[in-house]
Amino acid sequence: MINLNQKSLTLVLAGMLALVWLGSVKGLASRSMELGDQITLRRKELGYQKGILLKEKEFASRFEEIRNEVSVGGGPDERLSLFIAQAEKWAGEEKILLHDVRPLPPVKKGRMTFLKVTLELEGEMPSLGKFLYKMLSSGEPIQIDHFSFYQKVRMRPQINLDMEISLLFIE
């Protein structure tokens, strides 16, 4: 058996503790480096996504400017196209699915033309209400000729809305 005195035993134990401590610090350091690399990667992804959002906002504002320039003095087809584009925008803002948009033949009464379109939408009731509010408060002379609510699948919060709209166009 090895005869160790108290000093040697203390030194051996201190050396073993130092080795254990270095092993744990090395593990923590490598984990810290991995997390640092992940944070750097996430920051780059976030910066890229922010850049995309800024470009989308610039595109949307430029689109609105051009649409406003074009809409001055447009004909009935152009007016209906702009209304449909606006309805698609409102549906996107309210997270409503716009399943179908079908222009119908226009109805003429003297100098007035009623541009007709049907919309098939799906969403939650509060969102559909906000969509209808935006549509009716848009300043466009709109008349809802027909609408119906129904639910395709029971026990789901989504409601379907089919409606026929007339947009008044005076020549």
N, C-alpha and C. Protein backbone atom coordinates (compact mmCIF):
# COMPACT_ATOMS: atom_id res chain seq x y z
N MET A 1 0.83 -1.17 0.00
CA MET A 1 0.00 0.00 0.00
C MET A 1 0.88 1.24 0.00
N ILE A 2 0.37 2.28 -0.67
CA ILE A 2 1.14 3.52 -0.80
C ILE A 2 0.95 4.33 0.47
N ASN A 3 2.04 4.83 0.99
CA ASN A 3 2.00 5.63 2.20
C ASN A 3 2.11 7.11 1.78
N LEU A 4 0.99 7.78 1.83
CA LEU A 4 0.96 9.19 1.43
C LEU A 4 0.78 10.04 2.67
N ASN A 5 1.49 11.09 2.71
CA ASN A 5 1.27 11.98 3.83
C ASN A 5 0.15 12.95 3.50
N GLN A 6 -0.17 13.76 4.41
CA GLN A 6 -1.33 14.65 4.30
C GLN A 6 -1.16 15.65 3.17
N LYS A 7 0.03 16.18 2.96
CA LYS A 7 0.25 17.17 1.90
C LYS A 7 0.07 16.53 0.53
N SER A 8 0.62 15.36 0.34
CA SER A 8 0.49 14.70 -0.95
C SER A 8 -0.97 14.37 -1.24
N LEU A 9 -1.68 13.89 -0.24
CA LEU A 9 -3.08 13.55 -0.42
C LEU A 9 -3.89 14.79 -0.81
N THR A 10 -3.61 15.90 -0.19
CA THR A 10 -4.29 17.15 -0.50
C THR A 10 -3.99 17.57 -1.93
N LEU A 11 -2.72 17.45 -2.33
CA LEU A 11 -2.35 17.82 -3.69
C LEU A 11 -3.02 16.92 -4.72
N VAL A 12 -3.09 15.62 -4.46
CA VAL A 12 -3.73 14.69 -5.39
C VAL A 12 -5.22 15.01 -5.50
N LEU A 13 -5.88 15.24 -4.39
CA LEU A 13 -7.31 15.59 -4.41
C LEU A 13 -7.55 16.92 -5.13
N ALA A 14 -6.69 17.89 -4.90
CA ALA A 14 -6.82 19.19 -5.58
C ALA A 14 -6.63 19.03 -7.08
N GLY A 15 -5.69 18.20 -7.48
CA GLY A 15 -5.47 17.93 -8.90
C GLY A 15 -6.68 17.26 -9.54
N MET A 16 -7.26 16.29 -8.85
CA MET A 16 -8.45 15.60 -9.37
C MET A 16 -9.63 16.58 -9.49
N LEU A 17 -9.82 17.42 -8.48
CA LEU A 17 -10.90 18.41 -8.54
C LEU A 17 -10.68 19.39 -9.68
N ALA A 18 -9.43 19.76 -9.91
CA ALA A 18 -9.12 20.69 -11.01
C ALA A 18 -9.45 20.04 -12.35
N LEU A 19 -9.12 18.77 -12.51
CA LEU A 19 -9.44 18.07 -13.76
C LEU A 19 -10.95 17.98 -13.98
N VAL A 20 -11.69 17.66 -12.94
CA VAL A 20 -13.16 17.58 -13.04
C VAL A 20 -13.73 18.96 -13.38
N TRP A 21 -13.22 19.97 -12.72
CA TRP A 21 -13.70 21.34 -12.98
C TRP A 21 -13.40 21.75 -14.41
N LEU A 22 -12.19 21.47 -14.90
CA LEU A 22 -11.83 21.81 -16.28
C LEU A 22 -12.72 21.08 -17.28
N GLY A 23 -13.05 19.83 -17.00
CA GLY A 23 -13.94 19.07 -17.89
C GLY A 23 -15.33 19.69 -17.96
N SER A 24 -15.85 20.12 -16.82
CA SER A 24 -17.18 20.73 -16.83
C SER A 24 -17.15 22.11 -17.49
N VAL A 25 -16.09 22.89 -17.26
CA VAL A 25 -15.97 24.21 -17.89
C VAL A 25 -15.84 24.06 -19.40
N LYS A 26 -15.08 23.06 -19.84
CA LYS A 26 -14.92 22.82 -21.28
C LYS A 26 -16.27 22.49 -21.91
N GLY A 27 -17.09 21.66 -21.25
CA GLY A 27 -18.43 21.32 -21.75
C GLY A 27 -19.33 22.54 -21.82
N LEU A 28 -19.28 23.37 -20.78
CA LEU A 28 -20.09 24.59 -20.77
C LEU A 28 -19.63 25.56 -21.85
N ALA A 29 -18.32 25.64 -22.05
CA ALA A 29 -17.78 26.55 -23.07
C ALA A 29 -18.20 26.11 -24.47
N SER A 30 -18.14 24.79 -24.73
CA SER A 30 -18.54 24.33 -26.07
C SER A 30 -20.04 24.54 -26.28
N ARG A 31 -20.84 24.31 -25.25
CA ARG A 31 -22.30 24.55 -25.35
C ARG A 31 -22.57 26.04 -25.57
N SER A 32 -21.82 26.89 -24.90
CA SER A 32 -21.97 28.33 -25.06
C SER A 32 -21.62 28.75 -26.49
N MET A 33 -20.60 28.16 -27.06
CA MET A 33 -20.21 28.47 -28.45
C MET A 33 -21.32 28.05 -29.41
N GLU A 34 -21.90 26.86 -29.19
CA GLU A 34 -22.99 26.39 -30.05
C GLU A 34 -24.18 27.34 -29.98
N LEU A 35 -24.55 27.75 -28.76
CA LEU A 35 -25.68 28.67 -28.60
C LEU A 35 -25.38 30.02 -29.23
N GLY A 36 -24.13 30.47 -29.11
CA GLY A 36 -23.74 31.73 -29.73
C GLY A 36 -23.88 31.67 -31.25
N ASP A 37 -23.46 30.54 -31.84
CA ASP A 37 -23.61 30.36 -33.29
C ASP A 37 -25.07 30.34 -33.70
N GLN A 38 -25.92 29.68 -32.89
CA GLN A 38 -27.36 29.65 -33.19
C GLN A 38 -27.97 31.05 -33.11
N ILE A 39 -27.56 31.82 -32.11
CA ILE A 39 -28.08 33.18 -31.97
C ILE A 39 -27.66 34.02 -33.17
N THR A 40 -26.43 33.89 -33.60
CA THR A 40 -25.95 34.64 -34.77
C THR A 40 -26.76 34.27 -36.01
N LEU A 41 -27.01 32.98 -36.20
CA LEU A 41 -27.79 32.52 -37.34
C LEU A 41 -29.21 33.06 -37.28
N ARG A 42 -29.82 33.03 -36.10
CA ARG A 42 -31.20 33.53 -35.94
C ARG A 42 -31.27 35.04 -36.21
N ARG A 43 -30.23 35.78 -35.77
CA ARG A 43 -30.20 37.22 -36.02
C ARG A 43 -30.11 37.51 -37.51
N LYS A 44 -29.31 36.72 -38.24
CA LYS A 44 -29.22 36.90 -39.69
C LYS A 44 -30.56 36.62 -40.35
N GLU A 45 -31.24 35.53 -39.92
CA GLU A 45 -32.56 35.20 -40.48
C GLU A 45 -33.56 36.31 -40.19
N LEU A 46 -33.53 36.85 -38.98
CA LEU A 46 -34.45 37.92 -38.61
C LEU A 46 -34.19 39.17 -39.45
N GLY A 47 -32.94 39.49 -39.66
CA GLY A 47 -32.60 40.64 -40.50
C GLY A 47 -33.09 40.45 -41.92
N TYR A 48 -32.96 39.25 -42.44
CA TYR A 48 -33.45 38.94 -43.80
C TYR A 48 -34.97 39.10 -43.85
N GLN A 49 -35.67 38.59 -42.83
CA GLN A 49 -37.13 38.70 -42.81
C GLN A 49 -37.58 40.16 -42.67
N LYS A 50 -36.86 40.95 -41.89
CA LYS A 50 -37.19 42.37 -41.78
C LYS A 50 -37.02 43.06 -43.12
N GLY A 51 -35.96 42.69 -43.85
CA GLY A 51 -35.74 43.26 -45.19
C GLY A 51 -36.88 42.91 -46.13
N ILE A 52 -37.36 41.69 -46.06
CA ILE A 52 -38.48 41.28 -46.91
C ILE A 52 -39.72 42.08 -46.55
N LEU A 53 -39.99 42.26 -45.25
CA LEU A 53 -41.16 43.04 -44.83
C LEU A 53 -41.09 44.47 -45.33
N LEU A 54 -39.91 45.07 -45.24
CA LEU A 54 -39.76 46.45 -45.73
C LEU A 54 -40.03 46.52 -47.22
N LYS A 55 -39.51 45.55 -47.98
CA LYS A 55 -39.75 45.54 -49.42
C LYS A 55 -41.23 45.33 -49.73
N GLU A 56 -41.91 44.49 -48.95
CA GLU A 56 -43.35 44.29 -49.15
C GLU A 56 -44.12 45.58 -48.89
N LYS A 57 -43.73 46.31 -47.85
CA LYS A 57 -44.41 47.58 -47.54
C LYS A 57 -44.17 48.60 -48.65
N GLU A 58 -42.93 48.65 -49.16
CA GLU A 58 -42.64 49.56 -50.27
C GLU A 58 -43.45 49.18 -51.50
N PHE A 59 -43.53 47.89 -51.77
CA PHE A 59 -44.30 47.41 -52.92
C PHE A 59 -45.77 47.76 -52.76
N ALA A 60 -46.32 47.55 -51.56
CA ALA A 60 -47.74 47.83 -51.34
C ALA A 60 -48.03 49.33 -51.50
N SER A 61 -47.15 50.19 -50.98
CA SER A 61 -47.40 51.63 -51.11
C SER A 61 -47.29 52.07 -52.56
N ARG A 62 -46.31 51.54 -53.29
CA ARG A 62 -46.16 51.87 -54.71
C ARG A 62 -47.35 51.36 -55.52
N PHE A 63 -47.82 50.16 -55.18
CA PHE A 63 -49.00 49.60 -55.84
C PHE A 63 -50.21 50.51 -55.64
N GLU A 64 -50.40 51.01 -54.42
CA GLU A 64 -51.52 51.91 -54.13
C GLU A 64 -51.40 53.20 -54.94
N GLU A 65 -50.19 53.75 -55.04
CA GLU A 65 -49.99 54.98 -55.83
C GLU A 65 -50.36 54.76 -57.29
N ILE A 66 -49.86 53.68 -57.86
CA ILE A 66 -50.14 53.40 -59.27
C ILE A 66 -51.62 53.13 -59.47
N ARG A 67 -52.23 52.37 -58.57
CA ARG A 67 -53.66 52.07 -58.70
C ARG A 67 -54.50 53.33 -58.63
N ASN A 68 -54.13 54.26 -57.76
CA ASN A 68 -54.87 55.52 -57.68
C ASN A 68 -54.71 56.36 -58.94
N GLU A 69 -53.53 56.32 -59.54
CA GLU A 69 -53.32 57.04 -60.80
C GLU A 69 -54.15 56.44 -61.93
N VAL A 70 -54.22 55.14 -61.97
CA VAL A 70 -54.93 54.44 -63.04
C VAL A 70 -56.44 54.55 -62.88
N SER A 71 -56.92 54.59 -61.64
CA SER A 71 -58.36 54.51 -61.41
C SER A 71 -59.12 55.77 -61.80
N VAL A 72 -58.43 56.86 -62.07
CA VAL A 72 -59.10 58.09 -62.45
C VAL A 72 -59.71 57.93 -63.83
N GLY A 73 -61.04 58.04 -63.93
CA GLY A 73 -61.73 57.99 -65.21
C GLY A 73 -61.74 56.63 -65.87
N GLY A 74 -61.60 55.55 -65.12
CA GLY A 74 -61.60 54.22 -65.71
C GLY A 74 -62.99 53.78 -66.13
N GLY A 75 -63.04 52.79 -66.99
CA GLY A 75 -64.30 52.24 -67.46
C GLY A 75 -64.87 51.23 -66.47
N PRO A 76 -66.02 50.64 -66.83
CA PRO A 76 -66.67 49.71 -65.90
C PRO A 76 -65.82 48.46 -65.60
N ASP A 77 -65.16 47.92 -66.62
CA ASP A 77 -64.34 46.72 -66.37
C ASP A 77 -63.19 47.02 -65.42
N GLU A 78 -62.57 48.17 -65.63
CA GLU A 78 -61.46 48.57 -64.77
C GLU A 78 -61.95 48.80 -63.34
N ARG A 79 -63.10 49.42 -63.23
CA ARG A 79 -63.68 49.70 -61.91
C ARG A 79 -63.99 48.41 -61.17
N LEU A 80 -64.54 47.43 -61.88
CA LEU A 80 -64.84 46.14 -61.26
C LEU A 80 -63.55 45.43 -60.87
N SER A 81 -62.54 45.49 -61.71
CA SER A 81 -61.24 44.86 -61.40
C SER A 81 -60.62 45.48 -60.15
N LEU A 82 -60.69 46.79 -60.04
CA LEU A 82 -60.14 47.45 -58.86
C LEU A 82 -60.91 47.08 -57.60
N PHE A 83 -62.23 46.96 -57.72
CA PHE A 83 -63.03 46.55 -56.57
C PHE A 83 -62.67 45.13 -56.14
N ILE A 84 -62.50 44.23 -57.10
CA ILE A 84 -62.15 42.85 -56.78
C ILE A 84 -60.77 42.81 -56.11
N ALA A 85 -59.82 43.59 -56.61
CA ALA A 85 -58.50 43.65 -55.98
C ALA A 85 -58.60 44.16 -54.54
N GLN A 86 -59.44 45.16 -54.33
CA GLN A 86 -59.64 45.69 -52.98
C GLN A 86 -60.28 44.64 -52.07
N ALA A 87 -61.25 43.90 -52.60
CA ALA A 87 -61.90 42.84 -51.81
C ALA A 87 -60.88 41.76 -51.43
N GLU A 88 -59.99 41.42 -52.34
CA GLU A 88 -58.94 40.45 -52.03
C GLU A 88 -58.02 40.98 -50.93
N LYS A 89 -57.72 42.28 -50.97
CA LYS A 89 -56.87 42.88 -49.95
C LYS A 89 -57.57 42.83 -48.58
N TRP A 90 -58.85 43.19 -48.55
CA TRP A 90 -59.60 43.15 -47.28
C TRP A 90 -59.67 41.73 -46.74
N ALA A 91 -59.87 40.76 -47.61
CA ALA A 91 -59.93 39.36 -47.17
C ALA A 91 -58.59 38.95 -46.57
N GLY A 92 -57.50 39.36 -47.19
CA GLY A 92 -56.17 39.04 -46.64
C GLY A 92 -55.93 39.69 -45.29
N GLU A 93 -56.37 40.94 -45.15
CA GLU A 93 -56.19 41.65 -43.87
C GLU A 93 -56.94 40.97 -42.74
N GLU A 94 -58.11 40.42 -43.06
CA GLU A 94 -58.95 39.79 -42.02
C GLU A 94 -58.72 38.29 -41.92
N LYS A 95 -57.75 37.78 -42.67
CA LYS A 95 -57.43 36.34 -42.67
C LYS A 95 -58.65 35.50 -43.04
N ILE A 96 -59.29 35.92 -44.12
CA ILE A 96 -60.45 35.23 -44.67
C ILE A 96 -60.01 34.56 -45.97
N LEU A 97 -60.47 33.35 -46.18
CA LEU A 97 -60.20 32.67 -47.44
C LEU A 97 -61.20 33.14 -48.48
N LEU A 98 -60.71 33.60 -49.60
CA LEU A 98 -61.56 34.02 -50.71
C LEU A 98 -61.53 32.89 -51.72
N HIS A 99 -62.55 32.02 -51.64
CA HIS A 99 -62.56 30.82 -52.48
C HIS A 99 -62.83 31.12 -53.95
N ASP A 100 -63.76 32.02 -54.21
CA ASP A 100 -64.15 32.23 -55.60
C ASP A 100 -64.63 33.66 -55.80
N VAL A 101 -64.26 34.24 -56.93
CA VAL A 101 -64.72 35.56 -57.34
C VAL A 101 -65.18 35.40 -58.78
N ARG A 102 -66.46 35.65 -59.03
CA ARG A 102 -66.99 35.50 -60.39
C ARG A 102 -67.72 36.75 -60.82
N PRO A 103 -67.17 37.48 -61.78
CA PRO A 103 -67.92 38.61 -62.34
C PRO A 103 -69.12 38.07 -63.12
N LEU A 104 -70.23 38.75 -62.99
CA LEU A 104 -71.46 38.39 -63.70
C LEU A 104 -71.71 39.43 -64.78
N PRO A 105 -72.59 39.14 -65.73
CA PRO A 105 -72.89 40.15 -66.76
C PRO A 105 -73.47 41.42 -66.12
N PRO A 106 -73.04 42.59 -66.60
CA PRO A 106 -73.56 43.85 -66.04
C PRO A 106 -75.02 44.05 -66.44
N VAL A 107 -75.74 44.81 -65.60
CA VAL A 107 -77.14 45.14 -65.86
C VAL A 107 -77.22 46.64 -66.09
N LYS A 108 -77.76 47.06 -67.26
CA LYS A 108 -77.86 48.49 -67.58
C LYS A 108 -79.28 48.97 -67.35
N LYS A 109 -79.38 50.15 -66.73
CA LYS A 109 -80.66 50.83 -66.53
C LYS A 109 -80.43 52.29 -66.86
N GLY A 110 -80.71 52.67 -68.08
CA GLY A 110 -80.47 54.05 -68.51
C GLY A 110 -78.99 54.33 -68.56
N ARG A 111 -78.56 55.40 -67.86
CA ARG A 111 -77.14 55.74 -67.82
C ARG A 111 -76.39 54.99 -66.73
N MET A 112 -77.12 54.23 -65.91
CA MET A 112 -76.49 53.49 -64.81
C MET A 112 -76.21 52.06 -65.23
N THR A 113 -75.07 51.57 -64.82
CA THR A 113 -74.70 50.18 -65.05
C THR A 113 -74.38 49.56 -63.69
N PHE A 114 -75.01 48.42 -63.43
CA PHE A 114 -74.73 47.68 -62.20
C PHE A 114 -73.74 46.57 -62.54
N LEU A 115 -72.52 46.73 -62.04
CA LEU A 115 -71.47 45.73 -62.25
C LEU A 115 -71.64 44.68 -61.16
N LYS A 116 -71.90 43.45 -61.56
CA LYS A 116 -72.21 42.41 -60.59
C LYS A 116 -71.05 41.44 -60.44
N VAL A 117 -70.88 40.95 -59.21
CA VAL A 117 -69.84 39.98 -58.90
C VAL A 117 -70.33 39.12 -57.74
N THR A 118 -69.93 37.84 -57.76
CA THR A 118 -70.22 36.97 -56.62
C THR A 118 -68.91 36.66 -55.91
N LEU A 119 -68.98 36.59 -54.59
CA LEU A 119 -67.83 36.28 -53.75
C LEU A 119 -68.18 35.09 -52.87
N GLU A 120 -67.26 34.14 -52.76
CA GLU A 120 -67.40 33.02 -51.83
C GLU A 120 -66.25 33.12 -50.84
N LEU A 121 -66.60 33.33 -49.57
CA LEU A 121 -65.60 33.58 -48.52
C LEU A 121 -65.73 32.53 -47.42
N GLU A 122 -64.65 32.34 -46.67
CA GLU A 122 -64.68 31.45 -45.52
C GLU A 122 -63.80 32.05 -44.42
N GLY A 123 -64.35 32.15 -43.22
CA GLY A 123 -63.59 32.69 -42.10
C GLY A 123 -64.43 32.66 -40.84
N GLU A 124 -63.89 33.20 -39.78
CA GLU A 124 -64.63 33.28 -38.53
C GLU A 124 -65.58 34.47 -38.59
N MET A 125 -66.67 34.38 -37.84
CA MET A 125 -67.73 35.38 -37.93
C MET A 125 -67.25 36.81 -37.67
N PRO A 126 -66.41 37.07 -36.64
CA PRO A 126 -65.95 38.46 -36.45
C PRO A 126 -65.16 38.98 -37.66
N SER A 127 -64.35 38.13 -38.27
CA SER A 127 -63.57 38.55 -39.44
C SER A 127 -64.48 38.84 -40.62
N LEU A 128 -65.51 38.01 -40.81
CA LEU A 128 -66.45 38.25 -41.90
C LEU A 128 -67.19 39.58 -41.68
N GLY A 129 -67.54 39.86 -40.42
CA GLY A 129 -68.20 41.12 -40.10
C GLY A 129 -67.32 42.32 -40.41
N LYS A 130 -66.03 42.22 -40.07
CA LYS A 130 -65.10 43.31 -40.37
C LYS A 130 -64.92 43.48 -41.88
N PHE A 131 -64.89 42.36 -42.61
CA PHE A 131 -64.78 42.42 -44.06
C PHE A 131 -65.99 43.16 -44.65
N LEU A 132 -67.19 42.79 -44.20
CA LEU A 132 -68.41 43.45 -44.70
C LEU A 132 -68.39 44.94 -44.35
N TYR A 133 -67.95 45.28 -43.14
CA TYR A 133 -67.88 46.68 -42.74
C TYR A 133 -66.94 47.46 -43.66
N LYS A 134 -65.75 46.89 -43.90
CA LYS A 134 -64.78 47.57 -44.78
C LYS A 134 -65.35 47.76 -46.18
N MET A 135 -66.04 46.74 -46.66
CA MET A 135 -66.59 46.80 -48.01
C MET A 135 -67.69 47.87 -48.09
N LEU A 136 -68.58 47.89 -47.12
CA LEU A 136 -69.70 48.83 -47.17
C LEU A 136 -69.29 50.26 -46.83
N SER A 137 -68.22 50.43 -46.06
CA SER A 137 -67.78 51.78 -45.70
C SER A 137 -66.66 52.29 -46.61
N SER A 138 -66.43 51.62 -47.72
CA SER A 138 -65.32 51.98 -48.61
C SER A 138 -65.58 53.24 -49.43
N GLY A 139 -66.81 53.71 -49.48
CA GLY A 139 -67.11 54.89 -50.28
C GLY A 139 -67.60 54.52 -51.68
N GLU A 140 -67.46 53.26 -52.06
CA GLU A 140 -67.97 52.80 -53.35
C GLU A 140 -69.49 52.61 -53.24
N PRO A 141 -70.23 52.96 -54.30
CA PRO A 141 -71.68 52.71 -54.27
C PRO A 141 -71.94 51.21 -54.46
N ILE A 142 -72.08 50.50 -53.35
CA ILE A 142 -72.22 49.04 -53.37
C ILE A 142 -73.61 48.66 -52.86
N GLN A 143 -74.14 47.65 -53.48
CA GLN A 143 -75.43 47.09 -53.05
C GLN A 143 -75.24 45.59 -52.95
N ILE A 144 -75.64 45.03 -51.80
CA ILE A 144 -75.58 43.57 -51.65
C ILE A 144 -76.93 43.03 -52.11
N ASP A 145 -76.91 42.28 -53.21
CA ASP A 145 -78.15 41.74 -53.77
C ASP A 145 -78.57 40.46 -53.07
N HIS A 146 -77.61 39.66 -52.67
CA HIS A 146 -77.92 38.38 -52.03
C HIS A 146 -76.72 37.95 -51.19
N PHE A 147 -77.01 37.41 -50.01
CA PHE A 147 -75.92 36.75 -49.27
C PHE A 147 -76.49 35.66 -48.41
N SER A 148 -75.66 34.66 -48.15
CA SER A 148 -76.08 33.55 -47.29
C SER A 148 -74.87 33.05 -46.50
N PHE A 149 -75.14 32.78 -45.22
CA PHE A 149 -74.14 32.17 -44.36
C PHE A 149 -74.45 30.69 -44.23
N TYR A 150 -73.43 29.87 -44.21
CA TYR A 150 -73.61 28.45 -43.94
C TYR A 150 -72.30 27.89 -43.42
N GLN A 151 -72.40 26.71 -42.82
CA GLN A 151 -71.22 26.08 -42.25
C GLN A 151 -71.03 24.73 -42.92
N LYS A 152 -69.91 24.56 -43.62
CA LYS A 152 -69.65 23.30 -44.33
C LYS A 152 -69.38 22.16 -43.36
N VAL A 153 -68.57 22.42 -42.35
CA VAL A 153 -68.18 21.38 -41.40
C VAL A 153 -68.63 21.81 -40.01
N ARG A 154 -69.45 20.98 -39.38
CA ARG A 154 -69.89 21.30 -38.02
C ARG A 154 -68.70 21.27 -37.07
N MET A 155 -68.84 21.96 -35.97
CA MET A 155 -67.84 22.00 -34.91
C MET A 155 -66.55 22.70 -35.35
N ARG A 156 -66.62 23.52 -36.38
CA ARG A 156 -65.48 24.35 -36.78
C ARG A 156 -65.91 25.80 -36.67
N PRO A 157 -65.02 26.69 -36.29
CA PRO A 157 -65.42 28.10 -36.15
C PRO A 157 -65.60 28.81 -37.49
N GLN A 158 -65.14 28.21 -38.59
CA GLN A 158 -65.23 28.88 -39.89
C GLN A 158 -66.65 28.83 -40.43
N ILE A 159 -67.09 29.98 -40.93
CA ILE A 159 -68.40 30.14 -41.55
C ILE A 159 -68.15 30.48 -43.01
N ASN A 160 -69.00 29.97 -43.88
CA ASN A 160 -68.91 30.31 -45.29
C ASN A 160 -69.92 31.41 -45.60
N LEU A 161 -69.55 32.32 -46.47
CA LEU A 161 -70.42 33.42 -46.88
C LEU A 161 -70.39 33.49 -48.40
N ASP A 162 -71.56 33.33 -49.00
CA ASP A 162 -71.72 33.54 -50.45
C ASP A 162 -72.52 34.81 -50.61
N MET A 163 -72.06 35.71 -51.48
CA MET A 163 -72.83 36.93 -51.70
C MET A 163 -72.67 37.43 -53.12
N GLU A 164 -73.72 38.09 -53.56
CA GLU A 164 -73.74 38.73 -54.87
C GLU A 164 -73.81 40.23 -54.64
N ILE A 165 -72.89 40.95 -55.26
CA ILE A 165 -72.76 42.39 -55.04
C ILE A 165 -72.94 43.11 -56.36
N SER A 166 -73.61 44.26 -56.28
CA SER A 166 -73.70 45.15 -57.45
C SER A 166 -72.95 46.42 -57.13
N LEU A 167 -72.11 46.83 -58.05
CA LEU A 167 -71.34 48.06 -57.93
C LEU A 167 -71.90 49.03 -58.95
N LEU A 168 -72.37 50.17 -58.49
CA LEU A 168 -73.01 51.15 -59.37
C LEU A 168 -71.96 51.92 -60.17
N PHE A 169 -72.16 51.98 -61.48
CA PHE A 169 -71.27 52.74 -62.36
C PHE A 169 -72.15 53.64 -63.21
N ILE A 170 -71.95 54.97 -63.11
CA ILE A 170 -72.74 55.93 -63.90
C ILE A 170 -71.87 56.44 -65.03
N GLU A 171 -72.36 56.29 -66.26
CA GLU A 171 -71.59 56.72 -67.44
C GLU A 171 -71.84 58.16 -67.74
